[in-house]
C-alpha atoms as a PDB file:
ATOM      1  CA  MET A   1     -72.688 -14.478-151.550  1.00  0.00           C
ATOM      2  CA  THR A   2     -74.779 -15.055-148.421  1.00  0.00           C
ATOM      3  CA  SER A   3     -75.959 -12.005-146.469  1.00  0.00           C
ATOM      4  CA  PHE A   4     -74.244 -13.071-143.250  1.00  0.00           C
ATOM      5  CA  THR A   5     -75.742 -10.218-141.199  1.00  0.00           C
ATOM      6  CA  THR A   6     -79.090 -11.978-141.418  1.00  0.00           C
ATOM      7  CA  LEU A   7     -77.795 -15.385-140.352  1.00  0.00           C
ATOM      8  CA  PRO A   8     -78.071 -16.614-136.748  1.00  0.00           C
ATOM      9  CA  LEU A   9     -74.817 -16.647-134.822  1.00  0.00           C
ATOM     10  CA  HIS A  10     -72.754 -19.856-135.116  1.00  0.00           C
ATOM     11  CA  ALA A  11     -74.631 -20.935-138.251  1.00  0.00           C
ATOM     12  CA  GLY A  12     -72.530 -22.791-140.873  1.00  0.00           C
ATOM     13  CA  ASP A  13     -69.447 -24.993-140.926  1.00  0.00           C
ATOM     14  CA  PRO A  14     -66.329 -23.850-138.977  1.00  0.00           C
ATOM     15  CA  ALA A  15     -64.097 -26.198-140.992  1.00  0.00           C
ATOM     16  CA  LYS A  16     -65.034 -24.545-144.271  1.00  0.00           C
ATOM     17  CA  ALA A  17     -64.409 -21.107-142.788  1.00  0.00           C
ATOM     18  CA  LYS A  18     -60.924 -21.893-141.411  1.00  0.00           C
ATOM     19  CA  PRO A  19     -58.925 -21.498-144.675  1.00  0.00           C
ATOM     20  CA  HIS A  20     -60.471 -18.092-145.225  1.00  0.00           C
ATOM     21  CA  LEU A  21     -59.726 -17.069-141.634  1.00  0.00           C
ATOM     22  CA  ASP A  22     -56.096 -18.143-141.982  1.00  0.00           C
ATOM     23  CA  ARG A  23     -55.835 -16.172-145.206  1.00  0.00           C
ATOM     24  CA  ALA A  24     -57.476 -13.099-143.601  1.00  0.00           C
ATOM     25  CA  GLN A  25     -55.059 -13.134-140.677  1.00  0.00           C
ATOM     26  CA  GLN A  26     -52.062 -13.462-142.994  1.00  0.00           C
ATOM     27  CA  CYS A  27     -53.225 -10.544-145.121  1.00  0.00           C
ATOM     28  CA  GLU A  28     -53.894  -8.431-142.041  1.00  0.00           C
ATOM     29  CA  THR A  29     -50.412  -9.184-140.693  1.00  0.00           C
ATOM     30  CA  SER A  30     -48.832  -8.177-143.991  1.00  0.00           C
ATOM     31  CA  GLY A  31     -50.862  -4.961-144.095  1.00  0.00           C
ATOM     32  CA  ASP A  32     -53.133  -5.915-146.987  1.00  0.00           C
ATOM     33  CA  ARG A  33     -56.367  -4.838-145.365  1.00  0.00           C
ATOM     34  CA  ASP A  34     -58.540  -5.048-148.472  1.00  0.00           C
ATOM     35  CA  ALA A  35     -57.588  -8.694-148.999  1.00  0.00           C
ATOM     36  CA  ALA A  36     -58.094  -9.395-145.293  1.00  0.00           C
ATOM     37  CA  ILE A  37     -61.596  -7.901-145.410  1.00  0.00           C
ATOM     38  CA  GLU A  38     -62.469 -10.018-148.440  1.00  0.00           C
ATOM     39  CA  SER A  39     -61.247 -13.193-146.693  1.00  0.00           C
ATOM     40  CA  TYR A  40     -63.155 -12.402-143.502  1.00  0.00           C
ATOM     41  CA  ARG A  41     -66.314 -11.978-145.582  1.00  0.00           C
ATOM     42  CA  LYS A  42     -65.753 -15.390-147.189  1.00  0.00           C
ATOM     43  CA  ALA A  43     -65.173 -16.925-143.762  1.00  0.00           C
ATOM     44  CA  LEU A  44     -68.473 -15.473-142.539  1.00  0.00           C
ATOM     45  CA  ASP A  45     -70.252 -16.910-145.563  1.00  0.00           C
ATOM     46  CA  GLU A  46     -69.175 -20.350-144.303  1.00  0.00           C
ATOM     47  CA  HIS A  47     -69.531 -19.864-140.551  1.00  0.00           C
ATOM     48  CA  HIS A  48     -71.242 -16.974-138.767  1.00  0.00           C
ATOM     49  CA  ALA A  49     -68.936 -16.811-135.737  1.00  0.00           C
ATOM     50  CA  VAL A  50     -68.758 -14.002-133.158  1.00  0.00           C
ATOM     51  CA  ASP A  51     -64.966 -13.803-133.307  1.00  0.00           C
ATOM     52  CA  THR A  52     -65.002 -13.466-137.096  1.00  0.00           C
ATOM     53  CA  ILE A  53     -67.688 -10.783-136.994  1.00  0.00           C
ATOM     54  CA  PHE A  54     -65.639  -8.866-134.414  1.00  0.00           C
ATOM     55  CA  ALA A  55     -62.444  -9.167-136.495  1.00  0.00           C
ATOM     56  CA  LEU A  56     -64.181  -7.894-139.635  1.00  0.00           C
ATOM     57  CA  ALA A  57     -65.944  -5.066-137.777  1.00  0.00           C
ATOM     58  CA  ARG A  58     -62.666  -3.954-136.180  1.00  0.00           C
ATOM     59  CA  LEU A  59     -60.910  -3.926-139.557  1.00  0.00           C
ATOM     60  CA  LEU A  60     -63.757  -2.058-141.266  1.00  0.00           C
ATOM     61  CA  ASP A  61     -63.617   0.473-138.420  1.00  0.00           C
ATOM     62  CA  ARG A  62     -59.900   1.015-139.074  1.00  0.00           C
ATOM     63  CA  VAL A  63     -60.385   1.660-142.793  1.00  0.00           C
ATOM     64  CA  GLY A  64     -63.228   4.121-142.190  1.00  0.00           C
ATOM     65  CA  GLU A  65     -66.186   1.931-143.111  1.00  0.00           C
ATOM     66  CA  ASP A  66     -68.034   3.042-139.984  1.00  0.00           C
ATOM     67  CA  GLU A  67     -71.568   2.259-141.085  1.00  0.00           C
ATOM     68  CA  GLU A  68     -70.892  -1.406-141.811  1.00  0.00           C
ATOM     69  CA  ALA A  69     -68.666  -1.708-138.737  1.00  0.00           C
ATOM     70  CA  VAL A  70     -71.525  -0.447-136.545  1.00  0.00           C
ATOM     71  CA  GLU A  71     -73.934  -2.893-138.145  1.00  0.00           C
ATOM     72  CA  LEU A  72     -71.601  -5.815-137.398  1.00  0.00           C
ATOM     73  CA  TYR A  73     -70.799  -4.701-133.854  1.00  0.00           C
ATOM     74  CA  GLU A  74     -74.505  -4.314-133.131  1.00  0.00           C
ATOM     75  CA  ARG A  75     -75.052  -7.836-134.434  1.00  0.00           C
ATOM     76  CA  ILE A  76     -72.899  -9.298-131.656  1.00  0.00           C
ATOM     77  CA  CYS A  77     -73.390  -6.632-128.953  1.00  0.00           C
ATOM     78  CA  PHE A  78     -77.130  -7.034-128.700  1.00  0.00           C
ATOM     79  CA  GLY A  79     -76.709 -10.573-127.439  1.00  0.00           C
ATOM     80  CA  GLN A  80     -76.550 -11.824-123.855  1.00  0.00           C
ATOM     81  CA  LYS A  81     -72.761 -11.957-123.452  1.00  0.00           C
ATOM     82  CA  PRO A  82     -71.096  -9.673-126.017  1.00  0.00           C
ATOM     83  CA  PRO A  83     -67.304  -9.286-126.186  1.00  0.00           C
ATOM     84  CA  VAL A  84     -66.146  -6.386-123.989  1.00  0.00           C
ATOM     85  CA  ASN A  85     -63.973  -4.904-126.731  1.00  0.00           C
ATOM     86  CA  ALA A  86     -66.891  -5.007-129.156  1.00  0.00           C
ATOM     87  CA  LEU A  87     -68.979  -2.948-126.738  1.00  0.00           C
ATOM     88  CA  ILE A  88     -66.168  -0.433-126.219  1.00  0.00           C
ATOM     89  CA  ASN A  89     -65.431  -0.121-129.937  1.00  0.00           C
ATOM     90  CA  LEU A  90     -69.124   0.300-130.703  1.00  0.00           C
ATOM     91  CA  SER A  91     -69.408   3.007-128.032  1.00  0.00           C
ATOM     92  CA  ILE A  92     -66.556   4.943-129.676  1.00  0.00           C
ATOM     93  CA  LEU A  93     -68.256   4.743-133.054  1.00  0.00           C
ATOM     94  CA  TYR A  94     -71.529   5.876-131.510  1.00  0.00           C
ATOM     95  CA  GLU A  95     -69.776   8.845-129.884  1.00  0.00           C
ATOM     96  CA  ASP A  96     -68.238   9.818-133.235  1.00  0.00           C
ATOM     97  CA  MET A  97     -71.772   9.748-134.681  1.00  0.00           C
ATOM     98  CA  ASN A  98     -72.967  11.927-131.770  1.00  0.00           C
ATOM     99  CA  GLU A  99     -75.167   9.060-130.554  1.00  0.00           C
ATOM    100  CA  LEU A 100     -74.146   9.771-126.975  1.00  0.00           C
ATOM    101  CA  THR A 101     -76.995   7.909-125.272  1.00  0.00           C
ATOM    102  CA  ARG A 102     -76.162   4.719-127.176  1.00  0.00           C
ATOM    103  CA  ALA A 103     -72.449   5.145-126.455  1.00  0.00           C
ATOM    104  CA  GLU A 104     -73.156   5.504-122.751  1.00  0.00           C
ATOM    105  CA  ARG A 105     -75.427   2.444-122.775  1.00  0.00           C
ATOM    106  CA  CYS A 106     -72.652   0.273-124.250  1.00  0.00           C
ATOM    107  CA  LEU A 107     -70.080   1.446-121.724  1.00  0.00           C
ATOM    108  CA  ARG A 108     -72.408   0.960-118.784  1.00  0.00           C
ATOM    109  CA  ARG A 109     -72.899  -2.661-119.819  1.00  0.00           C
ATOM    110  CA  VAL A 110     -69.140  -3.139-119.522  1.00  0.00           C
ATOM    111  CA  VAL A 111     -68.855  -1.291-116.201  1.00  0.00           C
ATOM    112  CA  ASP A 112     -71.829  -3.163-114.756  1.00  0.00           C
ATOM    113  CA  GLU A 113     -70.047  -6.446-115.540  1.00  0.00           C
ATOM    114  CA  TYR A 114     -66.496  -5.239-114.825  1.00  0.00           C
ATOM    115  CA  PRO A 115     -66.685  -2.230-112.449  1.00  0.00           C
ATOM    116  CA  THR A 116     -62.925  -1.593-112.498  1.00  0.00           C
ATOM    117  CA  HIS A 117     -62.404  -1.872-116.256  1.00  0.00           C
ATOM    118  CA  PRO A 118     -60.039   1.102-116.899  1.00  0.00           C
ATOM    119  CA  ARG A 119     -60.865   1.845-120.553  1.00  0.00           C
ATOM    120  CA  ALA A 120     -64.604   1.540-120.064  1.00  0.00           C
ATOM    121  CA  ARG A 121     -64.541   3.781-116.987  1.00  0.00           C
ATOM    122  CA  MET A 122     -62.407   6.392-118.765  1.00  0.00           C
ATOM    123  CA  TYR A 123     -64.572   6.436-121.887  1.00  0.00           C
ATOM    124  CA  LEU A 124     -67.765   6.503-119.809  1.00  0.00           C
ATOM    125  CA  LYS A 125     -66.509   9.555-117.947  1.00  0.00           C
ATOM    126  CA  ASP A 126     -65.693  11.294-121.235  1.00  0.00           C
ATOM    127  CA  VAL A 127     -69.086  10.484-122.744  1.00  0.00           C
ATOM    128  CA  THR A 128     -70.878  11.728-119.629  1.00  0.00           C
ATOM    129  CA  VAL A 129     -68.990  15.025-119.726  1.00  0.00           C
ATOM    130  CA  VAL A 130     -69.707  15.505-123.439  1.00  0.00           C
ATOM    131  CA  THR A 131     -73.391  14.724-122.835  1.00  0.00           C
ATOM    132  CA  GLU A 132     -73.624  17.344-120.084  1.00  0.00           C
ATOM    133  CA  LEU A 133     -71.839  19.929-122.221  1.00  0.00           C
ATOM    134  CA  THR A 134     -74.142  19.159-125.144  1.00  0.00           C
ATOM    135  CA  VAL A 135     -77.232  19.593-122.969  1.00  0.00           C
ATOM    136  CA  ASP A 136     -75.897  22.907-121.626  1.00  0.00           C
ATOM    137  CA  ALA A 137     -75.044  24.114-125.135  1.00  0.00           C
ATOM    138  CA  ASP A 138     -78.497  23.157-126.395  1.00  0.00           C
ATOM    139  CA  ALA A 139     -80.107  25.034-123.502  1.00  0.00           C
ATOM    140  CA  GLN A 140     -78.016  28.124-124.246  1.00  0.00           C
ATOM    141  CA  GLN A 141     -78.897  27.973-127.931  1.00  0.00           C
ATOM    142  CA  GLN A 142     -82.583  27.663-127.084  1.00  0.00           C
ATOM    143  CA  GLU A 143     -82.320  30.682-124.780  1.00  0.00           C
ATOM    144  CA  VAL A 144     -80.626  32.714-127.519  1.00  0.00           C
ATOM    145  CA  ARG A 145     -83.310  31.731-130.056  1.00  0.00           C
ATOM    146  CA  LYS A 146     -86.031  32.563-127.542  1.00  0.00           C
ATOM    147  CA  ASN A 147     -84.572  36.012-126.855  1.00  0.00           C
ATOM    148  CA  LEU A 148     -84.231  36.727-130.571  1.00  0.00           C
ATOM    149  CA  ILE A 149     -87.918  35.929-131.061  1.00  0.00           C
ATOM    150  CA  LEU A 150     -89.104  37.916-128.035  1.00  0.00           C
ATOM    151  CA  ASN A 151     -87.007  40.943-129.010  1.00  0.00           C
ATOM    152  CA  THR A 152     -88.459  41.042-132.514  1.00  0.00           C
ATOM    153  CA  LEU A 153     -89.934  44.487-133.141  1.00  0.00           C
ATOM    154  CA  ILE A 154     -93.662  44.783-133.770  1.00  0.00           C
ATOM    155  CA  THR A 155     -92.842  46.911-136.828  1.00  0.00           C
ATOM    156  CA  ASP A 156     -91.418  43.766-138.472  1.00  0.00           C
ATOM    157  CA  PHE A 157     -94.914  42.270-138.781  1.00  0.00           C
ATOM    158  CA  GLU A 158     -97.791  42.999-141.117  1.00  0.00           C
ATOM    159  CA  LEU A 159    -100.333  44.867-139.016  1.00  0.00           C
ATOM    160  CA  SER A 160    -102.885  47.515-139.899  1.00  0.00           C
ATOM    161  CA  GLY A 161    -102.074  51.141-139.220  1.00  0.00           C
ATOM    162  CA  ARG A 162    -104.671  51.189-136.411  1.00  0.00           C
ATOM    163  CA  ALA A 163    -103.133  48.190-134.650  1.00  0.00           C
ATOM    164  CA  ARG A 164     -99.614  49.636-134.978  1.00  0.00           C
ATOM    165  CA  ASN A 165    -100.677  53.016-133.594  1.00  0.00           C
ATOM    166  CA  CYS A 166    -102.546  51.444-130.696  1.00  0.00           C
ATOM    167  CA  LEU A 167     -99.509  49.388-129.705  1.00  0.00           C
ATOM    168  CA  LYS A 168     -97.215  52.390-130.042  1.00  0.00           C
ATOM    169  CA  LYS A 169     -99.413  54.496-127.749  1.00  0.00           C
ATOM    170  CA  VAL A 170     -99.205  51.920-124.952  1.00  0.00           C
ATOM    171  CA  ASP A 171     -95.443  51.524-125.459  1.00  0.00           C
ATOM    172  CA  ILE A 172     -95.588  47.941-126.734  1.00  0.00           C
ATOM    173  CA  ARG A 173     -92.664  47.510-129.123  1.00  0.00           C
ATOM    174  CA  THR A 174     -91.704  43.814-129.188  1.00  0.00           C
ATOM    175  CA  LEU A 175     -93.287  40.357-129.207  1.00  0.00           C
ATOM    176  CA  GLY A 176     -92.028  39.953-125.652  1.00  0.00           C
ATOM    177  CA  ASP A 177     -94.053  43.002-124.589  1.00  0.00           C
ATOM    178  CA  LEU A 178     -97.198  41.346-125.904  1.00  0.00           C
ATOM    179  CA  LEU A 179     -96.545  38.278-123.765  1.00  0.00           C
ATOM    180  CA  ARG A 180     -96.603  40.497-120.683  1.00  0.00           C
ATOM    181  CA  ILE A 181    -100.013  42.019-121.283  1.00  0.00           C
ATOM    182  CA  THR A 182    -103.456  40.413-121.355  1.00  0.00           C
ATOM    183  CA  GLU A 183    -106.241  40.781-123.893  1.00  0.00           C
ATOM    184  CA  ALA A 184    -108.422  42.484-121.261  1.00  0.00           C
ATOM    185  CA  GLU A 185    -105.691  45.021-120.546  1.00  0.00           C
ATOM    186  CA  LEU A 186    -105.319  45.861-124.240  1.00  0.00           C
ATOM    187  CA  LEU A 187    -109.064  46.298-124.681  1.00  0.00           C
ATOM    188  CA  ALA A 188    -109.062  48.733-121.755  1.00  0.00           C
ATOM    189  CA  PHE A 189    -106.972  51.188-123.784  1.00  0.00           C
ATOM    190  CA  LYS A 190    -108.778  53.824-125.819  1.00  0.00           C
ATOM    191  CA  ASN A 191    -109.290  52.967-129.528  1.00  0.00           C
ATOM    192  CA  PHE A 192    -108.133  49.373-129.027  1.00  0.00           C
ATOM    193  CA  GLY A 193    -110.836  47.246-130.643  1.00  0.00           C
ATOM    194  CA  GLU A 194    -111.539  43.613-131.357  1.00  0.00           C
ATOM    195  CA  SER A 195    -110.194  43.805-134.915  1.00  0.00           C
ATOM    196  CA  SER A 196    -106.791  45.042-133.724  1.00  0.00           C
ATOM    197  CA  ILE A 197    -106.730  42.362-131.026  1.00  0.00           C
ATOM    198  CA  SER A 198    -107.499  39.689-133.631  1.00  0.00           C
ATOM    199  CA  GLU A 199    -104.589  40.863-135.811  1.00  0.00           C
ATOM    200  CA  ILE A 200    -102.182  40.752-132.878  1.00  0.00           C
ATOM    201  CA  LYS A 201    -103.369  37.357-131.694  1.00  0.00           C
ATOM    202  CA  ALA A 202    -102.859  35.969-135.214  1.00  0.00           C
ATOM    203  CA  VAL A 203     -99.262  37.234-135.282  1.00  0.00           C
ATOM    204  CA  LEU A 204     -98.569  35.558-131.940  1.00  0.00           C
ATOM    205  CA  ALA A 205    -100.391  32.332-132.782  1.00  0.00           C
ATOM    206  CA  ALA A 206     -98.288  31.912-135.929  1.00  0.00           C
ATOM    207  CA  ARG A 207     -95.284  31.645-133.605  1.00  0.00           C
ATOM    208  CA  GLY A 208     -96.911  29.470-130.967  1.00  0.00           C
ATOM    209  CA  LEU A 209     -97.363  32.411-128.602  1.00  0.00           C
ATOM    210  CA  ARG A 210    -100.330  34.165-126.992  1.00  0.00           C
ATOM    211  CA  LEU A 211    -101.206  37.357-125.157  1.00  0.00           C
ATOM    212  CA  GLY A 212    -100.331  37.300-121.452  1.00  0.00           C
ATOM    213  CA  GLN A 213     -98.292  34.099-121.767  1.00  0.00           C
ATOM    214  CA  ALA A 214     -95.421  35.457-119.674  1.00  0.00           C
ATOM    215  CA  LEU A 215     -97.845  36.235-116.843  1.00  0.00           C
ATOM    216  CA  GLU A 216     -98.830  32.598-116.425  1.00  0.00           C
ATOM    217  CA  GLY A 217     -97.394  30.421-113.690  1.00  0.00           C
ATOM    218  CA  GLY A 218     -96.326  33.357-111.505  1.00  0.00           C
ATOM    219  CA  GLN A 219     -93.949  34.867-114.043  1.00  0.00           C
ATOM    220  CA  ASP A 220     -95.531  38.293-113.519  1.00  0.00           C
ATOM    221  CA  GLN A 221     -94.427  38.137-109.878  1.00  0.00           C
ATOM    222  CA  ALA A 222     -90.910  37.268-110.998  1.00  0.00           C
ATOM    223  CA  TYR A 223     -90.830  40.345-113.245  1.00  0.00           C
ATOM    224  CA  ARG A 224     -92.009  42.559-110.393  1.00  0.00           C
ATOM    225  CA  LYS A 225     -89.502  41.075-107.971  1.00  0.00           C
ATOM    226  CA  GLU A 226     -86.662  41.593-110.434  1.00  0.00           C
ATOM    227  CA  TYR A 227     -87.708  45.215-111.048  1.00  0.00           C
ATOM    228  CA  LEU A 228     -87.980  45.905-107.322  1.00  0.00           C
ATOM    229  CA  GLU A 229     -84.374  44.767-106.903  1.00  0.00           C
ATOM    230  CA  TYR A 230     -83.444  47.188-109.669  1.00  0.00           C
ATOM    231  CA  LEU A 231     -85.271  50.028-107.902  1.00  0.00           C
ATOM    232  CA  LYS A 232     -83.428  49.302-104.672  1.00  0.00           C
ATOM    233  CA  GLY A 233     -80.192  49.948-106.492  1.00  0.00           C
ATOM    234  CA  GLN A 234     -81.461  53.251-107.874  1.00  0.00           C
ATOM    235  CA  HIS A 235     -83.435  54.769-104.968  1.00  0.00           C
ATOM    236  CA  ASP A 236     -83.383  55.139-101.212  1.00  0.00           C
ATOM    237  CA  GLU A 237     -85.060  52.029 -99.821  1.00  0.00           C
ATOM    238  CA  ALA A 238     -86.908  54.175 -97.282  1.00  0.00           C
ATOM    239  CA  VAL A 239     -88.726  55.851-100.183  1.00  0.00           C
ATOM    240  CA  LEU A 240     -89.721  52.506-101.651  1.00  0.00           C
ATOM    241  CA  LEU A 241     -91.210  51.477 -98.302  1.00  0.00           C
ATOM    242  CA  ILE A 242     -93.496  54.517 -98.005  1.00  0.00           C
ATOM    243  CA  SER A 243     -97.112  53.375 -97.669  1.00  0.00           C
ATOM    244  CA  VAL A 244     -99.399  54.091-100.625  1.00  0.00           C
ATOM    245  CA  SER A 245    -101.975  55.307 -98.109  1.00  0.00           C
ATOM    246  CA  THR A 246     -99.969  58.550 -97.795  1.00  0.00           C
ATOM    247  CA  MET A 247    -100.550  59.396-101.482  1.00  0.00           C
ATOM    248  CA  GLU A 248    -103.092  62.111-102.274  1.00  0.00           C
ATOM    249  CA  LEU A 249    -105.384  60.285-104.648  1.00  0.00           C
ATOM    250  CA  SER A 250    -109.024  60.154-105.646  1.00  0.00           C
ATOM    251  CA  VAL A 251    -111.219  57.372-104.312  1.00  0.00           C
ATOM    252  CA  ARG A 252    -111.159  55.646-107.726  1.00  0.00           C
ATOM    253  CA  ALA A 253    -107.347  55.703-107.912  1.00  0.00           C
ATOM    254  CA  LYS A 254    -107.018  54.405-104.343  1.00  0.00           C
ATOM    255  CA  LYS A 255    -109.433  51.579-105.118  1.00  0.00           C
ATOM    256  CA  ALA A 256    -107.360  50.601-108.150  1.00  0.00           C
ATOM    257  CA  ILE A 257    -104.193  50.380-106.038  1.00  0.00           C
ATOM    258  CA  THR A 258    -106.038  48.229-103.509  1.00  0.00           C
ATOM    259  CA  LEU A 259    -107.159  45.854-106.282  1.00  0.00           C
ATOM    260  CA  LEU A 260    -103.545  45.560-107.434  1.00  0.00           C
ATOM    261  CA  GLY A 261    -102.445  44.561-103.938  1.00  0.00           C
ATOM    262  CA  ALA A 262     -99.715  47.227-103.833  1.00  0.00           C
ATOM    263  CA  HIS A 263     -98.971  48.444-100.306  1.00  0.00           C
ATOM    264  CA  THR A 264     -95.817  50.514-100.773  1.00  0.00           C
ATOM    265  CA  LEU A 265     -94.509  52.942-103.374  1.00  0.00           C
ATOM    266  CA  GLY A 266     -91.946  50.353-104.410  1.00  0.00           C
ATOM    267  CA  GLU A 267     -94.631  47.725-105.012  1.00  0.00           C
ATOM    268  CA  LEU A 268     -96.725  50.208-106.966  1.00  0.00           C
ATOM    269  CA  ALA A 269     -93.761  51.269-109.095  1.00  0.00           C
ATOM    270  CA  CYS A 270     -93.317  47.614-110.094  1.00  0.00           C
ATOM    271  CA  ARG A 271     -96.695  47.668-111.846  1.00  0.00           C
ATOM    272  CA  THR A 272     -97.218  48.766-115.446  1.00  0.00           C
ATOM    273  CA  GLU A 273     -99.606  51.215-117.059  1.00  0.00           C
ATOM    274  CA  ALA A 274    -101.185  48.278-118.829  1.00  0.00           C
ATOM    275  CA  GLU A 275    -101.988  46.564-115.519  1.00  0.00           C
ATOM    276  CA  LEU A 276    -103.701  49.695-114.203  1.00  0.00           C
ATOM    277  CA  MET A 277    -105.575  50.397-117.409  1.00  0.00           C
ATOM    278  CA  GLY A 278    -106.808  46.827-117.425  1.00  0.00           C
ATOM    279  CA  LEU A 279    -108.734  47.421-114.196  1.00  0.00           C
ATOM    280  CA  LYS A 280    -112.467  47.943-114.501  1.00  0.00           C
ATOM    281  CA  ASN A 281    -113.563  51.605-114.528  1.00  0.00           C
ATOM    282  CA  PHE A 282    -109.961  52.825-114.387  1.00  0.00           C
ATOM    283  CA  GLY A 283    -109.193  55.690-116.774  1.00  0.00           C
ATOM    284  CA  LEU A 284    -106.465  58.042-117.863  1.00  0.00           C
ATOM    285  CA  THR A 285    -107.346  60.601-115.173  1.00  0.00           C
ATOM    286  CA  SER A 286    -106.645  58.098-112.401  1.00  0.00           C
ATOM    287  CA  LEU A 287    -103.527  56.922-114.200  1.00  0.00           C
ATOM    288  CA  ASP A 288    -102.187  60.486-114.385  1.00  0.00           C
ATOM    289  CA  GLU A 289    -102.890  60.935-110.662  1.00  0.00           C
ATOM    290  CA  ILE A 290    -100.846  57.890-109.725  1.00  0.00           C
ATOM    291  CA  LYS A 291     -97.998  58.775-112.067  1.00  0.00           C
ATOM    292  CA  ALA A 292     -97.849  62.292-110.631  1.00  0.00           C
ATOM    293  CA  GLN A 293     -97.715  61.011-107.053  1.00  0.00           C
ATOM    294  CA  LEU A 294     -94.934  58.572-107.903  1.00  0.00           C
ATOM    295  CA  ALA A 295     -93.014  61.317-109.699  1.00  0.00           C
ATOM    296  CA  LEU A 296     -92.981  63.366-106.481  1.00  0.00           C
ATOM    297  CA  HIS A 297     -90.701  60.668-105.070  1.00  0.00           C
ATOM    298  CA  GLY A 298     -88.635  60.250-108.232  1.00  0.00           C
ATOM    299  CA  LEU A 299     -90.453  57.043-109.233  1.00  0.00           C
ATOM    300  CA  SER A 300     -92.479  55.870-112.220  1.00  0.00           C
ATOM    301  CA  LEU A 301     -94.447  52.803-113.245  1.00  0.00           C
ATOM    302  CA  ARG A 302     -92.474  49.830-114.577  1.00  0.00           C
ATOM    303  CA  PRO A 303     -92.018  49.949-118.349  1.00  0.00           C
ATOM    304  CA  LEU A 304     -93.090  46.878-120.304  1.00  0.00           C
ATOM    305  CA  GLU A 305     -89.675  46.152-121.831  1.00  0.00           C
END
């Protein structure tokens, strides 16, 4: 038997194909689909006609032979002037296979040629809606996966006792916390050495992450803005607007606040211990000063998580 899917359209002898076509149509009318399919195949062996390909593809579609039906529909739909029903039927099969982009492409070819075609317009609308829902669902799933990764506890990873203790002392508990602190800030903490940093960086790198990643592209400002809105709901806004210049601090502590660019108590409270400790020549004494001054107003530095 000839592999008719490889033959050019209209190849062969229509006269030789006609008896098989007549037989196929009779069998289809009587409900004998298997015999009809066999006769259509014989007809295509004699004459590779578009109408015969469409008839066989439609019948194969009805009996659940989707893969071969798609192959035949594609054979006639990729031409210059494909049958409208072939394009619509192929789009439905594509949608069932979750090939939404291909389904939409078929339907748009019909609508471009026949803008008011009711079936094509209806199916195109359905495919577009499903595509949008799929994109939204994918985005939600990605967000869930991202949150699961970022909320993974540091204790779940193989780290030396020194690295674990160092992270615990600076209140870093999850992978997400590590994305909100820089290597320089970690090194500023007491007992945090290069070997511990290397361990942590290896854990992050294995997951395509890196220290300080969440602070890139202005995300640190977004965190501070979000926390400031939280503070406004918890404290008198007048307190948050008090100038940092009124705080009784040492020269070193005041210089640190200036370097941070914090002008009010609210802005200062949106910073973390890690940010302060990452400043050059800033130590625990200055940190305790600032924390004590904030505490006088019922405030504290923003936690990492």
